[in-house]
Amino acid sequence: MKNLSLLLLGALLSAAPLASRACDICGCFMGITPYDNQSGLSLMHRYRIFNGYQALGQTPHFFPGGARPFFPSPLNGDNGYQHDHHDDPTDFEAFRVIELRGKYFLSQRVELNAFVPYVMNTSQINGRQLNAAGVGDVTLFAGYHLIRAIETAGVQSRLIVGGGLKLPTGEYTRLNDQGRRYPLLNQVGTGTTDGFIYANYIGSFHSFGLSVNSSYRRSTENTFRNSLAPSTATFGSLFYRLPLGDNWQVYPSAQFFYEKTKGEMLEGQLTGEHAMNNALLGPGLDVYYKNVSLNTSFQLPIYTAETDHPASAGRLVVSVGYSFKQTKYLLHGKS
């Protein structure tokens, strides 16, 4: 199953299968990526870390002391934690998500997607940690395959356009021991309904390929009149296909990620909190065996705009998925 997210929609790293292979299996695997027209399920883990104050020349660390890539520390600093930065080099913000993802193709050109996240956020400031975990905001979206030139050998291309909603299903009213509400980005939900649109182009020439995905998002206010400023994100992937026998395929890649937002808002005004203008670059590796996939990527910052918050220090994604050999569609019958 192709590894998707709000910021990585449709950008799995793979290339065009051989024409003879596609004919042998009656179209089930036709496409630029394995199973790119197949319904499926996947489980993804994402780790995003911010550390080090750029204005002071502090070096960001991908694993700063006290940060864990998969699960937060059991220690919690509810009593005495304050979201008040004083340039402590041990400060960090870690955002982890374990996400169940489902994709269903209504037809060869129409796909429906649902993401259900379990969120684990950690903020350490001035030596005190604040941890929050729970079911987050569910995302629903649909995509239409505007260009689907995939059933040829050599040059192939696909253009997907779509949009969707992030729903306010996660808790956003969690309080500390003193009865004060956690900061917005330490909550497991935002309380806002976000709308987004995206476009994803994937093209390949024999075993080489390129995927570019861009998205734009806007959010409503929650009951506290908190919201996030409009944001944009772009993901690019340059990939290569390595076939290993009849059942195995491996796809190494170089991945680029760019994000920009002016951060949090209160009563319609920017607060100056968590503004981001970051670019990251790193390797990826996807492995497919029959209907099972393992997708990985790792990126480090190559550009970070200066703010008074810890700087972007990197991003790690690991996903496992299972795709169905879909030959029939609810709309338009058989493939």
C-alpha atoms as a PDB file:
ATOM      1  CA  MET A   1       0.000   0.000   0.000  1.00  0.00           C
ATOM      2  CA  LYS A   2       1.296   3.410  -0.881  1.00  0.00           C
ATOM      3  CA  ASN A   3       2.393   5.293   2.172  1.00  0.00           C
ATOM      4  CA  LEU A   4       0.219   8.445   2.547  1.00  0.00           C
ATOM      5  CA  SER A   5      -0.122  11.276   5.048  1.00  0.00           C
ATOM      6  CA  LEU A   6      -1.402  14.860   5.147  1.00  0.00           C
ATOM      7  CA  LEU A   7       2.041  16.066   4.231  1.00  0.00           C
ATOM      8  CA  LEU A   8       3.144  12.884   2.204  1.00  0.00           C
ATOM      9  CA  LEU A   9      -0.003  12.189   0.238  1.00  0.00           C
ATOM     10  CA  GLY A  10       0.631   9.788  -2.658  1.00  0.00           C
ATOM     11  CA  ALA A  11       4.394  10.074  -2.392  1.00  0.00           C
ATOM     12  CA  LEU A  12       5.611   6.504  -1.978  1.00  0.00           C
ATOM     13  CA  LEU A  13       8.927   5.819  -3.535  1.00  0.00           C
ATOM     14  CA  SER A  14       8.716   3.413  -6.426  1.00  0.00           C
ATOM     15  CA  ALA A  15       8.929   3.156 -10.181  1.00  0.00           C
ATOM     16  CA  ALA A  16       7.294   1.652 -13.243  1.00  0.00           C
ATOM     17  CA  PRO A  17       6.887  -2.143 -13.276  1.00  0.00           C
ATOM     18  CA  LEU A  18       7.803  -4.021 -16.421  1.00  0.00           C
ATOM     19  CA  ALA A  19       5.061  -4.272 -19.030  1.00  0.00           C
ATOM     20  CA  SER A  20       5.308  -8.068 -19.146  1.00  0.00           C
ATOM     21  CA  ARG A  21       4.843  -8.282 -15.372  1.00  0.00           C
ATOM     22  CA  ALA A  22       1.710  -6.142 -15.513  1.00  0.00           C
ATOM     23  CA  CYS A  23       0.225  -8.335 -18.263  1.00  0.00           C
ATOM     24  CA  ASP A  24       0.975 -11.517 -16.323  1.00  0.00           C
ATOM     25  CA  ILE A  25      -1.234 -10.461 -13.432  1.00  0.00           C
ATOM     26  CA  CYS A  26      -4.161  -9.006 -15.382  1.00  0.00           C
ATOM     27  CA  GLY A  27      -3.633  -5.418 -14.329  1.00  0.00           C
ATOM     28  CA  CYS A  28      -3.654  -5.949 -10.559  1.00  0.00           C
ATOM     29  CA  PHE A  29      -0.203  -4.397 -10.171  1.00  0.00           C
ATOM     30  CA  MET A  30      -0.359  -1.931 -13.048  1.00  0.00           C
ATOM     31  CA  GLY A  31       0.797   1.506 -11.988  1.00  0.00           C
ATOM     32  CA  ILE A  32       3.762   3.634 -11.165  1.00  0.00           C
ATOM     33  CA  THR A  33       4.012   2.228  -7.649  1.00  0.00           C
ATOM     34  CA  PRO A  34       3.144  -1.247  -6.340  1.00  0.00           C
ATOM     35  CA  TYR A  35      -0.542  -1.398  -5.377  1.00  0.00           C
ATOM     36  CA  ASP A  36      -1.088   2.253  -6.275  1.00  0.00           C
ATOM     37  CA  ASN A  37      -4.631   1.451  -7.440  1.00  0.00           C
ATOM     38  CA  GLN A  38      -5.403  -1.005  -4.645  1.00  0.00           C
ATOM     39  CA  SER A  39      -7.346  -0.673  -1.410  1.00  0.00           C
ATOM     40  CA  GLY A  40      -5.424  -1.481   1.761  1.00  0.00           C
ATOM     41  CA  LEU A  41      -4.526  -0.850   5.395  1.00  0.00           C
ATOM     42  CA  SER A  42      -1.322   0.414   6.985  1.00  0.00           C
ATOM     43  CA  LEU A  43       0.095   1.322  10.380  1.00  0.00           C
ATOM     44  CA  MET A  44       2.507   4.265  10.429  1.00  0.00           C
ATOM     45  CA  HIS A  45       4.733   5.752  13.127  1.00  0.00           C
ATOM     46  CA  ARG A  46       5.984   9.329  12.800  1.00  0.00           C
ATOM     47  CA  TYR A  47       8.593  11.047  15.001  1.00  0.00           C
ATOM     48  CA  ARG A  48       9.255  14.778  14.671  1.00  0.00           C
ATOM     49  CA  ILE A  49      11.758  16.553  16.940  1.00  0.00           C
ATOM     50  CA  PHE A  50      12.630  20.214  17.637  1.00  0.00           C
ATOM     51  CA  ASN A  51      15.734  21.036  19.681  1.00  0.00           C
ATOM     52  CA  GLY A  52      18.347  23.794  20.066  1.00  0.00           C
ATOM     53  CA  TYR A  53      17.965  27.572  19.810  1.00  0.00           C
ATOM     54  CA  GLN A  54      19.246  28.700  16.427  1.00  0.00           C
ATOM     55  CA  ALA A  55      19.805  32.333  17.476  1.00  0.00           C
ATOM     56  CA  LEU A  56      22.345  31.151  20.079  1.00  0.00           C
ATOM     57  CA  GLY A  57      24.151  28.812  17.676  1.00  0.00           C
ATOM     58  CA  GLN A  58      22.982  25.686  19.503  1.00  0.00           C
ATOM     59  CA  THR A  59      23.232  22.496  17.446  1.00  0.00           C
ATOM     60  CA  PRO A  60      19.943  20.604  17.048  1.00  0.00           C
ATOM     61  CA  HIS A  61      20.026  16.943  18.108  1.00  0.00           C
ATOM     62  CA  PHE A  62      17.794  14.241  16.654  1.00  0.00           C
ATOM     63  CA  PHE A  63      17.768  12.347  19.977  1.00  0.00           C
ATOM     64  CA  PRO A  64      18.174  15.001  22.704  1.00  0.00           C
ATOM     65  CA  GLY A  65      18.410  13.773  26.286  1.00  0.00           C
ATOM     66  CA  GLY A  66      14.979  12.697  27.560  1.00  0.00           C
ATOM     67  CA  ALA A  67      13.398  12.387  24.096  1.00  0.00           C
ATOM     68  CA  ARG A  68      12.292   8.961  22.962  1.00  0.00           C
ATOM     69  CA  PRO A  69      11.513   8.278  19.293  1.00  0.00           C
ATOM     70  CA  PHE A  70       8.669   5.804  19.808  1.00  0.00           C
ATOM     71  CA  PHE A  71       7.061   6.338  23.220  1.00  0.00           C
ATOM     72  CA  PRO A  72       7.222   9.218  25.723  1.00  0.00           C
ATOM     73  CA  SER A  73       8.813   9.026  29.147  1.00  0.00           C
ATOM     74  CA  PRO A  74       6.483   7.980  31.992  1.00  0.00           C
ATOM     75  CA  LEU A  75       7.720  11.037  33.888  1.00  0.00           C
ATOM     76  CA  ASN A  76       5.474  14.070  33.682  1.00  0.00           C
ATOM     77  CA  GLY A  77       6.032  17.637  34.854  1.00  0.00           C
ATOM     78  CA  ASP A  78       2.440  18.748  35.255  1.00  0.00           C
ATOM     79  CA  ASN A  79       3.375  20.284  38.583  1.00  0.00           C
ATOM     80  CA  GLY A  80       5.567  23.274  37.769  1.00  0.00           C
ATOM     81  CA  TYR A  81       5.815  22.992  33.962  1.00  0.00           C
ATOM     82  CA  GLN A  82       5.617  26.340  32.168  1.00  0.00           C
ATOM     83  CA  HIS A  83       5.695  26.966  28.428  1.00  0.00           C
ATOM     84  CA  ASP A  84       8.309  29.699  28.823  1.00  0.00           C
ATOM     85  CA  HIS A  85      11.508  29.443  26.792  1.00  0.00           C
ATOM     86  CA  HIS A  86      14.770  30.682  28.353  1.00  0.00           C
ATOM     87  CA  ASP A  87      17.232  29.240  25.801  1.00  0.00           C
ATOM     88  CA  ASP A  88      17.992  26.094  27.813  1.00  0.00           C
ATOM     89  CA  PRO A  89      19.900  23.792  25.392  1.00  0.00           C
ATOM     90  CA  THR A  90      18.116  20.756  26.885  1.00  0.00           C
ATOM     91  CA  ASP A  91      14.702  22.071  25.757  1.00  0.00           C
ATOM     92  CA  PHE A  92      12.951  20.006  23.103  1.00  0.00           C
ATOM     93  CA  GLU A  93       9.536  19.354  21.604  1.00  0.00           C
ATOM     94  CA  ALA A  94       8.786  15.838  20.318  1.00  0.00           C
ATOM     95  CA  PHE A  95       5.677  14.887  18.375  1.00  0.00           C
ATOM     96  CA  ARG A  96       4.934  11.178  17.822  1.00  0.00           C
ATOM     97  CA  VAL A  97       1.969   9.642  16.039  1.00  0.00           C
ATOM     98  CA  ILE A  98       0.953   6.019  15.551  1.00  0.00           C
ATOM     99  CA  GLU A  99      -1.619   6.161  12.781  1.00  0.00           C
ATOM    100  CA  LEU A 100      -4.000   3.542  11.385  1.00  0.00           C
ATOM    101  CA  ARG A 101      -4.677   4.307   7.725  1.00  0.00           C
ATOM    102  CA  GLY A 102      -7.273   2.904   5.388  1.00  0.00           C
ATOM    103  CA  LYS A 103      -7.659   3.439   1.644  1.00  0.00           C
ATOM    104  CA  TYR A 104     -10.572   2.304  -0.497  1.00  0.00           C
ATOM    105  CA  PHE A 105     -10.859   2.721  -4.263  1.00  0.00           C
ATOM    106  CA  LEU A 106     -14.428   3.338  -5.423  1.00  0.00           C
ATOM    107  CA  SER A 107     -13.147   3.155  -8.994  1.00  0.00           C
ATOM    108  CA  GLN A 108      -9.812   3.251 -10.789  1.00  0.00           C
ATOM    109  CA  ARG A 109      -9.845   7.055 -10.488  1.00  0.00           C
ATOM    110  CA  VAL A 110     -11.603   7.748  -7.160  1.00  0.00           C
ATOM    111  CA  GLU A 111     -10.058   6.913  -3.769  1.00  0.00           C
ATOM    112  CA  LEU A 112     -11.297   7.441  -0.201  1.00  0.00           C
ATOM    113  CA  ASN A 113      -8.907   7.660   2.759  1.00  0.00           C
ATOM    114  CA  ALA A 114      -9.248   7.687   6.545  1.00  0.00           C
ATOM    115  CA  PHE A 115      -6.476   8.242   9.133  1.00  0.00           C
ATOM    116  CA  VAL A 116      -6.999   7.519  12.845  1.00  0.00           C
ATOM    117  CA  PRO A 117      -4.009   8.752  14.918  1.00  0.00           C
ATOM    118  CA  TYR A 118      -2.811   7.955  18.418  1.00  0.00           C
ATOM    119  CA  VAL A 119      -0.817  11.024  19.470  1.00  0.00           C
ATOM    120  CA  MET A 120       2.098  11.162  21.943  1.00  0.00           C
ATOM    121  CA  ASN A 121       3.486  14.677  22.498  1.00  0.00           C
ATOM    122  CA  THR A 122       6.356  15.712  24.775  1.00  0.00           C
ATOM    123  CA  SER A 123       7.568  19.211  25.608  1.00  0.00           C
ATOM    124  CA  GLN A 124      10.614  19.685  27.843  1.00  0.00           C
ATOM    125  CA  ILE A 125      11.345  23.271  28.895  1.00  0.00           C
ATOM    126  CA  ASN A 126      13.750  24.362  31.649  1.00  0.00           C
ATOM    127  CA  GLY A 127      14.192  20.762  32.789  1.00  0.00           C
ATOM    128  CA  ARG A 128      10.493  19.906  33.169  1.00  0.00           C
ATOM    129  CA  GLN A 129       8.620  17.573  30.848  1.00  0.00           C
ATOM    130  CA  LEU A 130       4.977  17.657  29.863  1.00  0.00           C
ATOM    131  CA  ASN A 131       3.620  14.501  28.181  1.00  0.00           C
ATOM    132  CA  ALA A 132       0.213  13.971  26.636  1.00  0.00           C
ATOM    133  CA  ALA A 133      -1.094  10.897  24.809  1.00  0.00           C
ATOM    134  CA  GLY A 134      -4.422   9.818  23.383  1.00  0.00           C
ATOM    135  CA  VAL A 135      -6.524   9.396  20.258  1.00  0.00           C
ATOM    136  CA  GLY A 136      -6.080  12.458  18.073  1.00  0.00           C
ATOM    137  CA  ASP A 137      -8.005  14.171  15.284  1.00  0.00           C
ATOM    138  CA  VAL A 138      -9.345  11.862  12.564  1.00  0.00           C
ATOM    139  CA  THR A 139      -8.680  12.842   8.947  1.00  0.00           C
ATOM    140  CA  LEU A 140     -10.976  11.995   6.016  1.00  0.00           C
ATOM    141  CA  PHE A 141     -10.222  12.873   2.391  1.00  0.00           C
ATOM    142  CA  ALA A 142     -10.834  11.870  -1.206  1.00  0.00           C
ATOM    143  CA  GLY A 143      -8.649  11.988  -4.291  1.00  0.00           C
ATOM    144  CA  TYR A 144      -9.397  11.931  -8.007  1.00  0.00           C
ATOM    145  CA  HIS A 145      -6.813  10.551 -10.454  1.00  0.00           C
ATOM    146  CA  LEU A 146      -6.993  13.269 -13.083  1.00  0.00           C
ATOM    147  CA  ILE A 147      -4.172  11.768 -15.149  1.00  0.00           C
ATOM    148  CA  ARG A 148      -3.764   7.994 -15.198  1.00  0.00           C
ATOM    149  CA  ALA A 149      -1.228   7.168 -17.919  1.00  0.00           C
ATOM    150  CA  ILE A 150       0.171   4.042 -16.252  1.00  0.00           C
ATOM    151  CA  GLU A 151      -0.610   1.092 -18.494  1.00  0.00           C
ATOM    152  CA  THR A 152       2.363   1.537 -20.806  1.00  0.00           C
ATOM    153  CA  ALA A 153       5.999   0.516 -20.635  1.00  0.00           C
ATOM    154  CA  GLY A 154       8.712   3.114 -20.096  1.00  0.00           C
ATOM    155  CA  VAL A 155       7.167   6.523 -19.392  1.00  0.00           C
ATOM    156  CA  GLN A 156       4.254   6.634 -16.949  1.00  0.00           C
ATOM    157  CA  SER A 157       2.507   9.438 -15.062  1.00  0.00           C
ATOM    158  CA  ARG A 158      -0.260  10.020 -12.577  1.00  0.00           C
ATOM    159  CA  LEU A 159      -1.826  13.254 -11.274  1.00  0.00           C
ATOM    160  CA  ILE A 160      -4.061  13.097  -8.206  1.00  0.00           C
ATOM    161  CA  VAL A 161      -6.063  16.075  -6.926  1.00  0.00           C
ATOM    162  CA  GLY A 162      -8.269  16.095  -3.867  1.00  0.00           C
ATOM    163  CA  GLY A 163      -9.148  17.452  -0.481  1.00  0.00           C
ATOM    164  CA  GLY A 164     -10.616  16.621   2.871  1.00  0.00           C
ATOM    165  CA  LEU A 165     -11.177  17.466   6.505  1.00  0.00           C
ATOM    166  CA  LYS A 166      -9.413  16.966   9.814  1.00  0.00           C
ATOM    167  CA  LEU A 167     -12.160  16.518  12.405  1.00  0.00           C
ATOM    168  CA  PRO A 168     -12.010  17.689  16.077  1.00  0.00           C
ATOM    169  CA  THR A 169     -12.163  14.178  17.580  1.00  0.00           C
ATOM    170  CA  GLY A 170      -9.101  14.453  19.863  1.00  0.00           C
ATOM    171  CA  GLU A 171      -9.166  15.891  23.380  1.00  0.00           C
ATOM    172  CA  TYR A 172      -8.039  19.533  23.524  1.00  0.00           C
ATOM    173  CA  THR A 173      -9.144  20.575  27.036  1.00  0.00           C
ATOM    174  CA  ARG A 174      -6.610  18.635  29.129  1.00  0.00           C
ATOM    175  CA  LEU A 175      -5.562  20.428  32.354  1.00  0.00           C
ATOM    176  CA  ASN A 176      -2.454  20.252  34.552  1.00  0.00           C
ATOM    177  CA  ASP A 177      -2.406  19.779  38.322  1.00  0.00           C
ATOM    178  CA  GLN A 178      -3.049  23.484  38.869  1.00  0.00           C
ATOM    179  CA  GLY A 179      -6.120  23.466  36.637  1.00  0.00           C
ATOM    180  CA  ARG A 180      -4.417  25.296  33.756  1.00  0.00           C
ATOM    181  CA  ARG A 181      -5.031  24.047  30.230  1.00  0.00           C
ATOM    182  CA  TYR A 182      -2.109  22.452  28.387  1.00  0.00           C
ATOM    183  CA  PRO A 183      -0.659  24.541  25.525  1.00  0.00           C
ATOM    184  CA  LEU A 184      -2.415  23.921  22.210  1.00  0.00           C
ATOM    185  CA  LEU A 185       0.337  21.813  20.618  1.00  0.00           C
ATOM    186  CA  ASN A 186       0.675  19.690  23.772  1.00  0.00           C
ATOM    187  CA  GLN A 187      -2.955  18.620  23.500  1.00  0.00           C
ATOM    188  CA  VAL A 188      -3.697  15.407  21.597  1.00  0.00           C
ATOM    189  CA  GLY A 189      -6.324  17.281  19.552  1.00  0.00           C
ATOM    190  CA  THR A 190      -6.793  20.861  18.396  1.00  0.00           C
ATOM    191  CA  GLY A 191     -10.566  21.245  18.673  1.00  0.00           C
ATOM    192  CA  THR A 192     -10.583  22.762  15.185  1.00  0.00           C
ATOM    193  CA  THR A 193     -12.009  21.534  11.908  1.00  0.00           C
ATOM    194  CA  ASP A 194      -9.332  21.874   9.226  1.00  0.00           C
ATOM    195  CA  GLY A 195      -9.960  21.837   5.497  1.00  0.00           C
ATOM    196  CA  PHE A 196      -7.179  21.050   3.032  1.00  0.00           C
ATOM    197  CA  ILE A 197      -6.583  20.564  -0.682  1.00  0.00           C
ATOM    198  CA  TYR A 198      -3.682  18.801  -2.366  1.00  0.00           C
ATOM    199  CA  ALA A 199      -2.185  17.810  -5.686  1.00  0.00           C
ATOM    200  CA  ASN A 200       0.234  14.932  -6.237  1.00  0.00           C
ATOM    201  CA  TYR A 201       2.135  14.217  -9.450  1.00  0.00           C
ATOM    202  CA  ILE A 202       4.057  10.946  -9.843  1.00  0.00           C
ATOM    203  CA  GLY A 203       6.040  10.186 -12.982  1.00  0.00           C
ATOM    204  CA  SER A 204       8.566   7.554 -13.981  1.00  0.00           C
ATOM    205  CA  PHE A 205      10.908   6.690 -16.821  1.00  0.00           C
ATOM    206  CA  HIS A 206      11.752   3.000 -16.685  1.00  0.00           C
ATOM    207  CA  SER A 207      13.259   2.487 -13.202  1.00  0.00           C
ATOM    208  CA  PHE A 208      13.653   6.178 -12.285  1.00  0.00           C
ATOM    209  CA  GLY A 209      10.831   8.260 -10.870  1.00  0.00           C
ATOM    210  CA  LEU A 210       9.817  11.549  -9.288  1.00  0.00           C
ATOM    211  CA  SER A 211       6.930  12.335  -6.961  1.00  0.00           C
ATOM    212  CA  VAL A 212       5.890  15.856  -5.912  1.00  0.00           C
ATOM    213  CA  ASN A 213       3.023  16.565  -3.527  1.00  0.00           C
ATOM    214  CA  SER A 214       1.816  19.988  -2.341  1.00  0.00           C
ATOM    215  CA  SER A 215      -0.983  20.801   0.097  1.00  0.00           C
ATOM    216  CA  TYR A 216      -2.690  23.874   1.569  1.00  0.00           C
ATOM    217  CA  ARG A 217      -4.609  23.874   4.867  1.00  0.00           C
ATOM    218  CA  ARG A 218      -6.877  26.250   6.782  1.00  0.00           C
ATOM    219  CA  SER A 219      -8.471  25.745  10.192  1.00  0.00           C
ATOM    220  CA  THR A 220     -11.456  27.023  12.138  1.00  0.00           C
ATOM    221  CA  GLU A 221     -11.303  28.242  15.764  1.00  0.00           C
ATOM    222  CA  ASN A 222     -11.979  25.957  18.713  1.00  0.00           C
ATOM    223  CA  THR A 223     -14.113  26.907  21.742  1.00  0.00           C
ATOM    224  CA  PHE A 224     -11.136  28.768  23.268  1.00  0.00           C
ATOM    225  CA  ARG A 225     -10.770  30.734  19.996  1.00  0.00           C
ATOM    226  CA  ASN A 226      -7.445  29.004  19.333  1.00  0.00           C
ATOM    227  CA  SER A 227      -6.535  28.070  15.776  1.00  0.00           C
ATOM    228  CA  LEU A 228      -3.541  27.530  13.509  1.00  0.00           C
ATOM    229  CA  ALA A 229      -2.569  29.913  10.732  1.00  0.00           C
ATOM    230  CA  PRO A 230      -2.892  28.685   7.140  1.00  0.00           C
ATOM    231  CA  SER A 231      -0.086  26.294   6.251  1.00  0.00           C
ATOM    232  CA  THR A 232       1.535  24.842   3.155  1.00  0.00           C
ATOM    233  CA  ALA A 233       3.665  21.739   2.748  1.00  0.00           C
ATOM    234  CA  THR A 234       5.540  20.234  -0.195  1.00  0.00           C
ATOM    235  CA  PHE A 235       7.076  16.770  -0.418  1.00  0.00           C
ATOM    236  CA  GLY A 236       9.387  15.642  -3.204  1.00  0.00           C
ATOM    237  CA  SER A 237      10.900  12.221  -3.811  1.00  0.00           C
ATOM    238  CA  LEU A 238      13.452  11.021  -6.360  1.00  0.00           C
ATOM    239  CA  PHE A 239      13.391   7.226  -6.466  1.00  0.00           C
ATOM    240  CA  TYR A 240      14.755   4.138  -8.205  1.00  0.00           C
ATOM    241  CA  ARG A 241      13.304   0.646  -8.606  1.00  0.00           C
ATOM    242  CA  LEU A 242      15.342  -2.464  -7.782  1.00  0.00           C
ATOM    243  CA  PRO A 243      13.436  -5.664  -8.648  1.00  0.00           C
ATOM    244  CA  LEU A 244      14.630  -8.677  -6.639  1.00  0.00           C
ATOM    245  CA  GLY A 245      12.926 -11.780  -7.977  1.00  0.00           C
ATOM    246  CA  ASP A 246       9.233 -12.362  -8.562  1.00  0.00           C
ATOM    247  CA  ASN A 247       7.960 -11.289  -5.127  1.00  0.00           C
ATOM    248  CA  TRP A 248      10.422  -8.671  -3.866  1.00  0.00           C
ATOM    249  CA  GLN A 249      10.839  -5.051  -4.916  1.00  0.00           C
ATOM    250  CA  VAL A 250      13.073  -2.430  -3.260  1.00  0.00           C
ATOM    251  CA  TYR A 251      12.934   1.347  -3.779  1.00  0.00           C
ATOM    252  CA  PRO A 252      15.734   3.576  -2.432  1.00  0.00           C
ATOM    253  CA  SER A 253      15.054   7.306  -2.630  1.00  0.00           C
ATOM    254  CA  ALA A 254      16.106  10.839  -1.762  1.00  0.00           C
ATOM    255  CA  GLN A 255      13.297  12.822  -0.095  1.00  0.00           C
ATOM    256  CA  PHE A 256      12.719  16.554   0.344  1.00  0.00           C
ATOM    257  CA  PHE A 257      10.157  18.104   2.703  1.00  0.00           C
ATOM    258  CA  TYR A 258       9.215  21.785   3.096  1.00  0.00           C
ATOM    259  CA  GLU A 259       6.648  23.313   5.470  1.00  0.00           C
ATOM    260  CA  LYS A 260       5.585  26.863   6.258  1.00  0.00           C
ATOM    261  CA  THR A 261       3.090  28.341   8.725  1.00  0.00           C
ATOM    262  CA  LYS A 262       2.897  31.474  10.867  1.00  0.00           C
ATOM    263  CA  GLY A 263       1.916  29.307  13.840  1.00  0.00           C
ATOM    264  CA  GLU A 264      -0.769  29.580  16.493  1.00  0.00           C
ATOM    265  CA  MET A 265      -3.566  32.135  16.552  1.00  0.00           C
ATOM    266  CA  LEU A 266      -5.803  33.417  19.358  1.00  0.00           C
ATOM    267  CA  GLU A 267      -8.996  35.302  18.594  1.00  0.00           C
ATOM    268  CA  GLY A 268      -7.858  35.684  15.012  1.00  0.00           C
ATOM    269  CA  GLN A 269      -4.454  37.191  15.873  1.00  0.00           C
ATOM    270  CA  LEU A 270      -1.031  35.549  15.588  1.00  0.00           C
ATOM    271  CA  THR A 271       0.563  34.703  18.940  1.00  0.00           C
ATOM    272  CA  GLY A 272       4.105  34.177  17.632  1.00  0.00           C
ATOM    273  CA  GLU A 273       4.094  30.611  18.946  1.00  0.00           C
ATOM    274  CA  HIS A 274       5.312  27.714  16.761  1.00  0.00           C
ATOM    275  CA  ALA A 275       5.847  29.534  13.493  1.00  0.00           C
ATOM    276  CA  MET A 276       7.712  27.252  11.055  1.00  0.00           C
ATOM    277  CA  ASN A 277       9.622  27.728   7.821  1.00  0.00           C
ATOM    278  CA  ASN A 278      11.684  24.559   7.425  1.00  0.00           C
ATOM    279  CA  ALA A 279      13.222  22.410   4.713  1.00  0.00           C
ATOM    280  CA  LEU A 280      14.455  18.848   5.334  1.00  0.00           C
ATOM    281  CA  LEU A 281      16.294  16.316   3.199  1.00  0.00           C
ATOM    282  CA  GLY A 282      17.181  12.649   3.653  1.00  0.00           C
ATOM    283  CA  PRO A 283      17.043   9.048   2.416  1.00  0.00           C
ATOM    284  CA  GLY A 284      14.117   6.678   2.180  1.00  0.00           C
ATOM    285  CA  LEU A 285      13.761   2.961   1.574  1.00  0.00           C
ATOM    286  CA  ASP A 286      10.609   1.026   0.698  1.00  0.00           C
ATOM    287  CA  VAL A 287      10.458  -2.774   0.540  1.00  0.00           C
ATOM    288  CA  TYR A 288       7.569  -4.771  -0.944  1.00  0.00           C
ATOM    289  CA  TYR A 289       7.011  -8.514  -0.562  1.00  0.00           C
ATOM    290  CA  LYS A 290       3.876  -9.806  -2.263  1.00  0.00           C
ATOM    291  CA  ASN A 291       1.044  -7.769  -0.667  1.00  0.00           C
ATOM    292  CA  VAL A 292       3.082  -6.529   2.326  1.00  0.00           C
ATOM    293  CA  SER A 293       5.085  -3.280   2.410  1.00  0.00           C
ATOM    294  CA  LEU A 294       7.670  -1.698   4.713  1.00  0.00           C
ATOM    295  CA  ASN A 295       8.209   2.029   4.144  1.00  0.00           C
ATOM    296  CA  THR A 296      10.881   4.121   5.883  1.00  0.00           C
ATOM    297  CA  SER A 297      12.242   7.660   5.602  1.00  0.00           C
ATOM    298  CA  PHE A 298      14.625   9.855   7.584  1.00  0.00           C
ATOM    299  CA  GLN A 299      15.184  13.581   7.042  1.00  0.00           C
ATOM    300  CA  LEU A 300      17.410  16.218   8.622  1.00  0.00           C
ATOM    301  CA  PRO A 301      17.084  20.019   8.315  1.00  0.00           C
ATOM    302  CA  ILE A 302      18.862  21.872   5.512  1.00  0.00           C
ATOM    303  CA  TYR A 303      17.122  25.206   6.178  1.00  0.00           C
ATOM    304  CA  THR A 304      15.378  26.547   9.282  1.00  0.00           C
ATOM    305  CA  ALA A 305      14.104  30.100   9.687  1.00  0.00           C
ATOM    306  CA  GLU A 306      15.125  31.583  13.025  1.00  0.00           C
ATOM    307  CA  THR A 307      12.505  31.732  15.803  1.00  0.00           C
ATOM    308  CA  ASP A 308      12.597  31.937  19.613  1.00  0.00           C
ATOM    309  CA  HIS A 309      11.569  28.255  19.854  1.00  0.00           C
ATOM    310  CA  PRO A 310      13.646  25.075  19.499  1.00  0.00           C
ATOM    311  CA  ALA A 311      14.647  24.542  15.879  1.00  0.00           C
ATOM    312  CA  SER A 312      13.587  21.707  13.596  1.00  0.00           C
ATOM    313  CA  ALA A 313      15.963  18.778  14.210  1.00  0.00           C
ATOM    314  CA  GLY A 314      14.565  16.017  12.003  1.00  0.00           C
ATOM    315  CA  ARG A 315      11.838  13.600  11.070  1.00  0.00           C
ATOM    316  CA  LEU A 316      11.518   9.785  11.030  1.00  0.00           C
ATOM    317  CA  VAL A 317       8.717   7.704   9.465  1.00  0.00           C
ATOM    318  CA  VAL A 318       8.210   3.924   9.585  1.00  0.00           C
ATOM    319  CA  SER A 319       5.146   2.207   8.117  1.00  0.00           C
ATOM    320  CA  VAL A 320       3.931  -1.334   7.470  1.00  0.00           C
ATOM    321  CA  GLY A 321       1.007  -2.028   5.161  1.00  0.00           C
ATOM    322  CA  TYR A 322      -1.113  -4.674   3.479  1.00  0.00           C
ATOM    323  CA  SER A 323      -2.733  -4.162   0.075  1.00  0.00           C
ATOM    324  CA  PHE A 324      -5.558  -6.139  -1.467  1.00  0.00           C
ATOM    325  CA  LYS A 325      -5.461  -7.526  -5.002  1.00  0.00           C
ATOM    326  CA  GLN A 326      -8.430  -5.423  -5.991  1.00  0.00           C
ATOM    327  CA  THR A 327      -9.935  -6.340  -9.376  1.00  0.00           C
ATOM    328  CA  LYS A 328     -13.484  -5.039  -8.800  1.00  0.00           C
ATOM    329  CA  TYR A 329     -14.705  -1.556  -7.894  1.00  0.00           C
ATOM    330  CA  LEU A 330     -17.984  -0.351  -6.422  1.00  0.00           C
ATOM    331  CA  LEU A 331     -18.230   2.077  -9.334  1.00  0.00           C
ATOM    332  CA  HIS A 332     -17.678   0.962 -12.944  1.00  0.00           C
ATOM    333  CA  GLY A 333     -17.325  -2.742 -12.048  1.00  0.00           C
ATOM    334  CA  LYS A 334     -14.128  -4.653 -12.855  1.00  0.00           C
ATOM    335  CA  SER A 335     -10.752  -3.052 -13.432  1.00  0.00           C
END
